[in-house]
Amino acid sequence: MELELWHIWLLLAVGLFVIEIFISNFVSVCFGIASVLTGIVSYLRFEIPAQLLVFIASSLICLFLLKPYITKHSISQSYQPNKDYKNLIGKEAIVMEEINDRKNKGRVVLSGSTWKAKSQFGEIIPKDTFVKVLNIDYSVMTVKRI
């Protein structure tokens, strides 16, 4: 079996879609869609200059129309961590590193972020304990055991 040009365009498209799985920046998916369209044009026996024109035009259209739409509606863009730190006061967090003020150790996880933490009265709070946030001073949370 002999490979024709449209086979190569479709293999290129498959390769670009596989690359998109690992990179996920929506550029290779645009080139993959352009490769599929160019493969169809090649199957219809258009000449190489026409195929290149279709590939370039459909790549640009896809990049300027589809990529902004996908990035706007993607999950990573819809999640915005809470930047108003005063709203975190009173929330519950979990200790990911034992809080020990004497050793200057302690970290908690809250809203997907890790914070340096100290206990309210200098007590040792073990790992995997739930705590309540009492205050935030710069990047250090003052917490108490729940």
N, C-alpha and C. Protein backbone atom coordinates (compact mmCIF):
# COMPACT_ATOMS: atom_id res chain seq x y z
N MET A 1 0.85 -1.19 0.00
CA MET A 1 0.00 0.00 0.00
C MET A 1 0.89 1.24 0.00
N GLU A 2 0.60 2.13 -0.85
CA GLU A 2 1.37 3.34 -1.01
C GLU A 2 0.69 4.49 -0.27
N LEU A 3 1.49 5.25 0.46
CA LEU A 3 0.96 6.40 1.17
C LEU A 3 0.74 7.55 0.20
N GLU A 4 -0.46 8.10 0.25
CA GLU A 4 -0.75 9.28 -0.54
C GLU A 4 -0.62 10.50 0.35
N LEU A 5 -0.65 11.66 -0.25
CA LEU A 5 -0.45 12.90 0.50
C LEU A 5 -1.55 13.12 1.54
N TRP A 6 -2.76 12.74 1.23
CA TRP A 6 -3.84 12.96 2.20
C TRP A 6 -3.67 12.06 3.42
N HIS A 7 -3.03 10.89 3.23
CA HIS A 7 -2.72 10.03 4.38
C HIS A 7 -1.75 10.75 5.34
N ILE A 8 -0.78 11.40 4.75
CA ILE A 8 0.23 12.10 5.56
C ILE A 8 -0.41 13.25 6.34
N TRP A 9 -1.32 13.98 5.69
CA TRP A 9 -2.01 15.07 6.39
C TRP A 9 -2.82 14.52 7.58
N LEU A 10 -3.49 13.39 7.37
CA LEU A 10 -4.29 12.83 8.46
C LEU A 10 -3.42 12.25 9.56
N LEU A 11 -2.28 11.64 9.21
CA LEU A 11 -1.34 11.18 10.24
C LEU A 11 -0.76 12.35 11.03
N LEU A 12 -0.50 13.43 10.34
CA LEU A 12 -0.03 14.64 11.03
C LEU A 12 -1.09 15.14 12.01
N ALA A 13 -2.34 15.11 11.58
CA ALA A 13 -3.43 15.55 12.46
C ALA A 13 -3.51 14.68 13.71
N VAL A 14 -3.43 13.37 13.54
CA VAL A 14 -3.48 12.46 14.69
C VAL A 14 -2.31 12.74 15.63
N GLY A 15 -1.12 12.92 15.07
CA GLY A 15 0.05 13.22 15.89
C GLY A 15 -0.12 14.52 16.66
N LEU A 16 -0.69 15.53 16.02
CA LEU A 16 -0.90 16.81 16.69
C LEU A 16 -1.95 16.70 17.80
N PHE A 17 -2.98 15.88 17.58
CA PHE A 17 -3.98 15.69 18.63
C PHE A 17 -3.38 14.95 19.82
N VAL A 18 -2.49 14.00 19.57
CA VAL A 18 -1.82 13.29 20.67
C VAL A 18 -0.91 14.26 21.43
N ILE A 19 -0.20 15.11 20.71
CA ILE A 19 0.66 16.10 21.36
C ILE A 19 -0.19 17.03 22.24
N GLU A 20 -1.37 17.36 21.78
CA GLU A 20 -2.26 18.25 22.54
C GLU A 20 -2.63 17.65 23.90
N ILE A 21 -2.72 16.34 23.97
CA ILE A 21 -3.04 15.69 25.23
C ILE A 21 -1.97 15.99 26.27
N PHE A 22 -0.72 16.02 25.85
CA PHE A 22 0.38 16.22 26.79
C PHE A 22 0.71 17.69 27.03
N ILE A 23 0.52 18.52 26.03
CA ILE A 23 0.91 19.93 26.16
C ILE A 23 -0.28 20.79 26.59
N SER A 24 -1.40 20.59 26.00
CA SER A 24 -2.67 21.28 26.26
C SER A 24 -2.55 22.81 26.31
N ASN A 25 -2.05 23.37 25.22
CA ASN A 25 -2.05 24.82 25.10
C ASN A 25 -2.95 25.26 23.94
N PHE A 26 -3.67 24.34 23.34
CA PHE A 26 -4.67 24.56 22.30
C PHE A 26 -4.10 25.06 20.98
N VAL A 27 -2.77 25.05 20.83
CA VAL A 27 -2.17 25.43 19.56
C VAL A 27 -2.12 24.21 18.65
N SER A 28 -1.66 23.09 19.19
CA SER A 28 -1.55 21.91 18.34
C SER A 28 -2.92 21.38 17.92
N VAL A 29 -3.96 21.62 18.70
CA VAL A 29 -5.29 21.19 18.26
C VAL A 29 -5.74 22.04 17.06
N CYS A 30 -5.36 23.30 17.04
CA CYS A 30 -5.69 24.15 15.89
C CYS A 30 -4.96 23.66 14.63
N PHE A 31 -3.68 23.32 14.78
CA PHE A 31 -2.94 22.78 13.64
C PHE A 31 -3.48 21.40 13.25
N GLY A 32 -3.98 20.63 14.20
CA GLY A 32 -4.57 19.33 13.90
C GLY A 32 -5.85 19.46 13.09
N ILE A 33 -6.68 20.42 13.48
CA ILE A 33 -7.91 20.68 12.71
C ILE A 33 -7.56 21.14 11.30
N ALA A 34 -6.56 22.00 11.20
CA ALA A 34 -6.12 22.46 9.87
C ALA A 34 -5.59 21.30 9.05
N SER A 35 -4.90 20.36 9.68
CA SER A 35 -4.39 19.19 8.95
C SER A 35 -5.52 18.31 8.45
N VAL A 36 -6.56 18.15 9.25
CA VAL A 36 -7.72 17.35 8.81
C VAL A 36 -8.37 18.01 7.59
N LEU A 37 -8.59 19.32 7.67
CA LEU A 37 -9.20 20.03 6.54
C LEU A 37 -8.31 19.96 5.29
N THR A 38 -7.02 20.07 5.48
CA THR A 38 -6.09 19.97 4.35
C THR A 38 -6.06 18.56 3.80
N GLY A 39 -6.20 17.56 4.66
CA GLY A 39 -6.28 16.18 4.21
C GLY A 39 -7.50 15.95 3.32
N ILE A 40 -8.62 16.58 3.69
CA ILE A 40 -9.83 16.47 2.86
C ILE A 40 -9.60 17.13 1.51
N VAL A 41 -8.97 18.29 1.51
CA VAL A 41 -8.67 18.99 0.25
C VAL A 41 -7.71 18.17 -0.60
N SER A 42 -6.75 17.53 0.04
CA SER A 42 -5.80 16.68 -0.69
C SER A 42 -6.50 15.46 -1.27
N TYR A 43 -7.44 14.89 -0.53
CA TYR A 43 -8.21 13.73 -1.01
C TYR A 43 -9.02 14.10 -2.26
N LEU A 44 -9.47 15.35 -2.32
CA LEU A 44 -10.24 15.83 -3.47
C LEU A 44 -9.34 16.21 -4.65
N ARG A 45 -8.05 15.91 -4.55
CA ARG A 45 -7.06 16.05 -5.62
C ARG A 45 -6.70 17.50 -5.96
N PHE A 46 -6.75 18.38 -4.98
CA PHE A 46 -6.27 19.74 -5.22
C PHE A 46 -4.74 19.72 -5.21
N GLU A 47 -4.14 20.68 -5.84
CA GLU A 47 -2.68 20.75 -5.94
C GLU A 47 -2.07 21.19 -4.60
N ILE A 48 -0.77 20.99 -4.49
CA ILE A 48 -0.05 21.30 -3.24
C ILE A 48 -0.15 22.78 -2.85
N PRO A 49 -0.03 23.73 -3.77
CA PRO A 49 -0.19 25.14 -3.34
C PRO A 49 -1.57 25.41 -2.72
N ALA A 50 -2.61 24.80 -3.26
CA ALA A 50 -3.95 24.98 -2.70
C ALA A 50 -4.03 24.33 -1.31
N GLN A 51 -3.37 23.19 -1.15
CA GLN A 51 -3.37 22.52 0.15
C GLN A 51 -2.66 23.38 1.20
N LEU A 52 -1.53 23.94 0.83
CA LEU A 52 -0.80 24.80 1.76
C LEU A 52 -1.61 26.04 2.12
N LEU A 53 -2.31 26.59 1.14
CA LEU A 53 -3.16 27.74 1.41
C LEU A 53 -4.28 27.39 2.38
N VAL A 54 -4.91 26.23 2.19
CA VAL A 54 -5.96 25.77 3.11
C VAL A 54 -5.39 25.55 4.51
N PHE A 55 -4.20 24.94 4.58
CA PHE A 55 -3.59 24.69 5.89
C PHE A 55 -3.29 26.00 6.62
N ILE A 56 -2.68 26.94 5.94
CA ILE A 56 -2.34 28.21 6.58
C ILE A 56 -3.59 28.99 6.97
N ALA A 57 -4.56 29.07 6.05
CA ALA A 57 -5.77 29.84 6.34
C ALA A 57 -6.57 29.21 7.48
N SER A 58 -6.74 27.90 7.45
CA SER A 58 -7.53 27.26 8.51
C SER A 58 -6.79 27.29 9.85
N SER A 59 -5.46 27.24 9.83
CA SER A 59 -4.68 27.36 11.08
C SER A 59 -4.89 28.74 11.69
N LEU A 60 -4.80 29.77 10.87
CA LEU A 60 -4.97 31.13 11.37
C LEU A 60 -6.39 31.38 11.87
N ILE A 61 -7.36 30.90 11.12
CA ILE A 61 -8.76 31.06 11.55
C ILE A 61 -8.98 30.36 12.88
N CYS A 62 -8.46 29.16 12.99
CA CYS A 62 -8.63 28.39 14.22
C CYS A 62 -7.91 29.07 15.39
N LEU A 63 -6.71 29.55 15.15
CA LEU A 63 -5.95 30.21 16.22
C LEU A 63 -6.62 31.49 16.69
N PHE A 64 -7.19 32.25 15.78
CA PHE A 64 -7.78 33.52 16.16
C PHE A 64 -9.23 33.41 16.63
N LEU A 65 -9.93 32.35 16.26
CA LEU A 65 -11.33 32.21 16.67
C LEU A 65 -11.53 31.16 17.76
N LEU A 66 -10.96 29.98 17.56
CA LEU A 66 -11.22 28.88 18.49
C LEU A 66 -10.40 28.96 19.76
N LYS A 67 -9.13 29.30 19.65
CA LYS A 67 -8.27 29.31 20.84
C LYS A 67 -8.76 30.30 21.90
N PRO A 68 -9.11 31.54 21.56
CA PRO A 68 -9.61 32.44 22.60
C PRO A 68 -10.91 31.92 23.24
N TYR A 69 -11.77 31.31 22.44
CA TYR A 69 -13.02 30.77 22.98
C TYR A 69 -12.74 29.64 23.97
N ILE A 70 -11.83 28.72 23.60
CA ILE A 70 -11.52 27.58 24.46
C ILE A 70 -10.83 28.04 25.74
N THR A 71 -9.87 28.94 25.63
CA THR A 71 -9.17 29.38 26.84
C THR A 71 -10.09 30.18 27.75
N LYS A 72 -11.04 30.90 27.20
CA LYS A 72 -11.99 31.66 28.03
C LYS A 72 -12.91 30.73 28.80
N HIS A 73 -13.30 29.61 28.20
CA HIS A 73 -14.26 28.71 28.81
C HIS A 73 -13.63 27.48 29.46
N SER A 74 -12.31 27.45 29.57
CA SER A 74 -11.67 26.28 30.16
C SER A 74 -11.79 26.32 31.68
N ILE A 75 -11.63 25.17 32.28
CA ILE A 75 -11.78 25.04 33.73
C ILE A 75 -10.71 25.85 34.45
N SER A 76 -9.48 25.82 33.96
CA SER A 76 -8.40 26.52 34.65
C SER A 76 -8.63 28.03 34.69
N GLN A 77 -9.34 28.58 33.72
CA GLN A 77 -9.63 30.00 33.75
C GLN A 77 -10.80 30.33 34.66
N SER A 78 -11.72 29.38 34.84
CA SER A 78 -12.88 29.67 35.68
C SER A 78 -12.54 29.59 37.16
N TYR A 79 -11.45 28.89 37.53
CA TYR A 79 -11.05 28.83 38.93
C TYR A 79 -10.14 30.00 39.24
N GLN A 80 -10.58 30.85 40.07
CA GLN A 80 -9.78 31.97 40.52
C GLN A 80 -9.64 31.87 42.03
N PRO A 81 -8.44 31.64 42.53
CA PRO A 81 -8.27 31.53 43.97
C PRO A 81 -8.64 32.84 44.66
N ASN A 82 -9.04 32.70 45.89
CA ASN A 82 -9.48 33.85 46.65
C ASN A 82 -8.29 34.76 46.96
N LYS A 83 -8.28 35.96 46.40
CA LYS A 83 -7.17 36.88 46.60
C LYS A 83 -7.43 37.84 47.76
N ASP A 84 -8.64 37.93 48.23
CA ASP A 84 -8.95 38.78 49.36
C ASP A 84 -8.73 37.97 50.63
N TYR A 85 -7.56 38.12 51.22
CA TYR A 85 -7.15 37.26 52.32
C TYR A 85 -7.98 37.45 53.58
N LYS A 86 -8.59 38.60 53.73
CA LYS A 86 -9.42 38.83 54.91
C LYS A 86 -10.65 37.92 54.92
N ASN A 87 -11.08 37.47 53.74
CA ASN A 87 -12.21 36.54 53.66
C ASN A 87 -11.84 35.15 54.16
N LEU A 88 -10.56 34.87 54.28
CA LEU A 88 -10.12 33.55 54.75
C LEU A 88 -10.18 33.43 56.26
N ILE A 89 -10.25 34.56 56.97
CA ILE A 89 -10.32 34.52 58.43
C ILE A 89 -11.64 33.88 58.84
N GLY A 90 -11.54 32.91 59.73
CA GLY A 90 -12.72 32.18 60.20
C GLY A 90 -12.93 30.87 59.45
N LYS A 91 -12.20 30.66 58.38
CA LYS A 91 -12.34 29.41 57.60
C LYS A 91 -11.55 28.29 58.27
N GLU A 92 -11.87 27.07 57.87
CA GLU A 92 -11.15 25.90 58.37
C GLU A 92 -10.06 25.51 57.40
N ALA A 93 -8.93 25.09 57.95
CA ALA A 93 -7.79 24.63 57.16
C ALA A 93 -7.31 23.32 57.76
N ILE A 94 -6.44 22.64 57.03
CA ILE A 94 -5.87 21.39 57.54
C ILE A 94 -4.35 21.55 57.62
N VAL A 95 -3.80 21.03 58.70
CA VAL A 95 -2.36 21.13 58.93
C VAL A 95 -1.65 20.10 58.07
N MET A 96 -0.71 20.57 57.23
CA MET A 96 0.05 19.64 56.40
C MET A 96 1.45 19.42 56.92
N GLU A 97 1.91 20.30 57.82
CA GLU A 97 3.19 20.13 58.50
C GLU A 97 2.97 20.58 59.94
N GLU A 98 3.39 19.76 60.87
CA GLU A 98 3.17 20.05 62.29
C GLU A 98 3.51 21.50 62.62
N ILE A 99 2.60 22.15 63.33
CA ILE A 99 2.81 23.53 63.73
C ILE A 99 3.53 23.52 65.07
N ASN A 100 4.74 24.07 65.07
CA ASN A 100 5.56 24.15 66.28
C ASN A 100 6.28 25.49 66.24
N ASP A 101 5.78 26.44 67.03
CA ASP A 101 6.34 27.79 67.00
C ASP A 101 7.78 27.84 67.48
N ARG A 102 8.15 26.97 68.41
CA ARG A 102 9.52 26.97 68.93
C ARG A 102 10.53 26.59 67.84
N LYS A 103 10.13 25.69 66.95
CA LYS A 103 11.01 25.27 65.86
C LYS A 103 10.77 26.08 64.58
N ASN A 104 9.86 27.03 64.67
CA ASN A 104 9.49 27.86 63.51
C ASN A 104 9.03 27.00 62.34
N LYS A 105 8.19 26.01 62.64
CA LYS A 105 7.66 25.10 61.62
C LYS A 105 6.15 25.19 61.63
N GLY A 106 5.57 24.83 60.51
CA GLY A 106 4.13 24.72 60.41
C GLY A 106 3.58 25.25 59.11
N ARG A 107 2.77 24.42 58.47
CA ARG A 107 2.11 24.81 57.22
C ARG A 107 0.70 24.26 57.23
N VAL A 108 -0.22 25.03 56.66
CA VAL A 108 -1.61 24.60 56.53
C VAL A 108 -2.03 24.75 55.07
N VAL A 109 -3.08 24.02 54.71
CA VAL A 109 -3.65 24.10 53.37
C VAL A 109 -5.05 24.70 53.49
N LEU A 110 -5.31 25.73 52.70
CA LEU A 110 -6.61 26.38 52.68
C LEU A 110 -6.89 26.88 51.28
N SER A 111 -8.01 26.52 50.73
CA SER A 111 -8.44 26.95 49.39
C SER A 111 -7.40 26.63 48.32
N GLY A 112 -6.76 25.48 48.44
CA GLY A 112 -5.81 25.04 47.43
C GLY A 112 -4.44 25.68 47.54
N SER A 113 -4.21 26.50 48.57
CA SER A 113 -2.92 27.15 48.76
C SER A 113 -2.32 26.71 50.09
N THR A 114 -1.00 26.68 50.14
CA THR A 114 -0.34 26.37 51.40
C THR A 114 0.13 27.67 52.04
N TRP A 115 0.02 27.71 53.34
CA TRP A 115 0.37 28.91 54.10
C TRP A 115 1.28 28.51 55.26
N LYS A 116 2.21 29.38 55.59
CA LYS A 116 2.98 29.22 56.82
C LYS A 116 2.01 29.52 57.95
N ALA A 117 2.11 28.76 59.04
CA ALA A 117 1.15 28.93 60.12
C ALA A 117 1.83 28.90 61.47
N LYS A 118 1.22 29.59 62.41
CA LYS A 118 1.63 29.52 63.81
C LYS A 118 0.37 29.38 64.64
N SER A 119 0.53 28.79 65.82
CA SER A 119 -0.64 28.56 66.66
C SER A 119 -0.91 29.79 67.52
N GLN A 120 -2.13 29.88 68.02
CA GLN A 120 -2.56 31.06 68.76
C GLN A 120 -1.77 31.24 70.06
N PHE A 121 -1.60 30.16 70.82
CA PHE A 121 -0.93 30.26 72.12
C PHE A 121 0.39 29.50 72.16
N GLY A 122 0.98 29.22 70.99
CA GLY A 122 2.26 28.54 70.94
C GLY A 122 2.18 27.04 71.14
N GLU A 123 0.98 26.49 71.05
CA GLU A 123 0.84 25.04 71.23
C GLU A 123 1.31 24.29 69.99
N ILE A 124 1.65 23.03 70.16
CA ILE A 124 2.04 22.18 69.04
C ILE A 124 0.79 21.53 68.48
N ILE A 125 0.56 21.71 67.19
CA ILE A 125 -0.62 21.14 66.52
C ILE A 125 -0.11 20.10 65.53
N PRO A 126 -0.51 18.82 65.68
CA PRO A 126 0.01 17.78 64.81
C PRO A 126 -0.55 17.86 63.38
N LYS A 127 0.14 17.17 62.49
CA LYS A 127 -0.25 17.08 61.08
C LYS A 127 -1.63 16.44 60.97
N ASP A 128 -2.38 16.82 59.92
CA ASP A 128 -3.72 16.30 59.61
C ASP A 128 -4.77 16.72 60.63
N THR A 129 -4.53 17.78 61.36
CA THR A 129 -5.51 18.33 62.30
C THR A 129 -6.22 19.49 61.63
N PHE A 130 -7.51 19.61 61.91
CA PHE A 130 -8.26 20.75 61.38
C PHE A 130 -8.09 21.93 62.32
N VAL A 131 -7.88 23.10 61.73
CA VAL A 131 -7.69 24.32 62.50
C VAL A 131 -8.58 25.42 61.93
N LYS A 132 -8.77 26.46 62.74
CA LYS A 132 -9.55 27.62 62.31
C LYS A 132 -8.60 28.79 62.18
N VAL A 133 -8.73 29.56 61.11
CA VAL A 133 -7.87 30.71 60.86
C VAL A 133 -8.37 31.89 61.70
N LEU A 134 -7.47 32.43 62.53
CA LEU A 134 -7.83 33.55 63.39
C LEU A 134 -7.36 34.88 62.81
N ASN A 135 -6.19 34.88 62.17
CA ASN A 135 -5.63 36.11 61.64
C ASN A 135 -4.64 35.78 60.53
N ILE A 136 -4.42 36.74 59.65
CA ILE A 136 -3.40 36.61 58.61
C ILE A 136 -2.53 37.85 58.68
N ASP A 137 -1.25 37.62 58.93
CA ASP A 137 -0.29 38.70 59.00
C ASP A 137 0.75 38.45 57.92
N TYR A 138 0.68 39.23 56.86
CA TYR A 138 1.50 39.03 55.67
C TYR A 138 1.24 37.63 55.11
N SER A 139 2.18 36.71 55.20
CA SER A 139 1.95 35.38 54.64
C SER A 139 1.89 34.31 55.73
N VAL A 140 1.65 34.72 56.97
CA VAL A 140 1.59 33.78 58.09
C VAL A 140 0.19 33.80 58.69
N MET A 141 -0.39 32.62 58.80
CA MET A 141 -1.71 32.48 59.41
C MET A 141 -1.57 32.14 60.88
N THR A 142 -2.37 32.79 61.69
CA THR A 142 -2.48 32.41 63.09
C THR A 142 -3.72 31.55 63.20
N VAL A 143 -3.55 30.33 63.75
CA VAL A 143 -4.65 29.36 63.77
C VAL A 143 -4.82 28.80 65.18
N LYS A 144 -6.00 28.19 65.38
CA LYS A 144 -6.24 27.44 66.61
C LYS A 144 -6.87 26.10 66.24
N ARG A 145 -6.62 25.12 67.06
CA ARG A 145 -7.16 23.78 66.84
C ARG A 145 -8.67 23.81 67.02
N ILE A 146 -9.36 23.07 66.17
CA ILE A 146 -10.83 22.98 66.26
C ILE A 146 -11.18 21.81 67.17
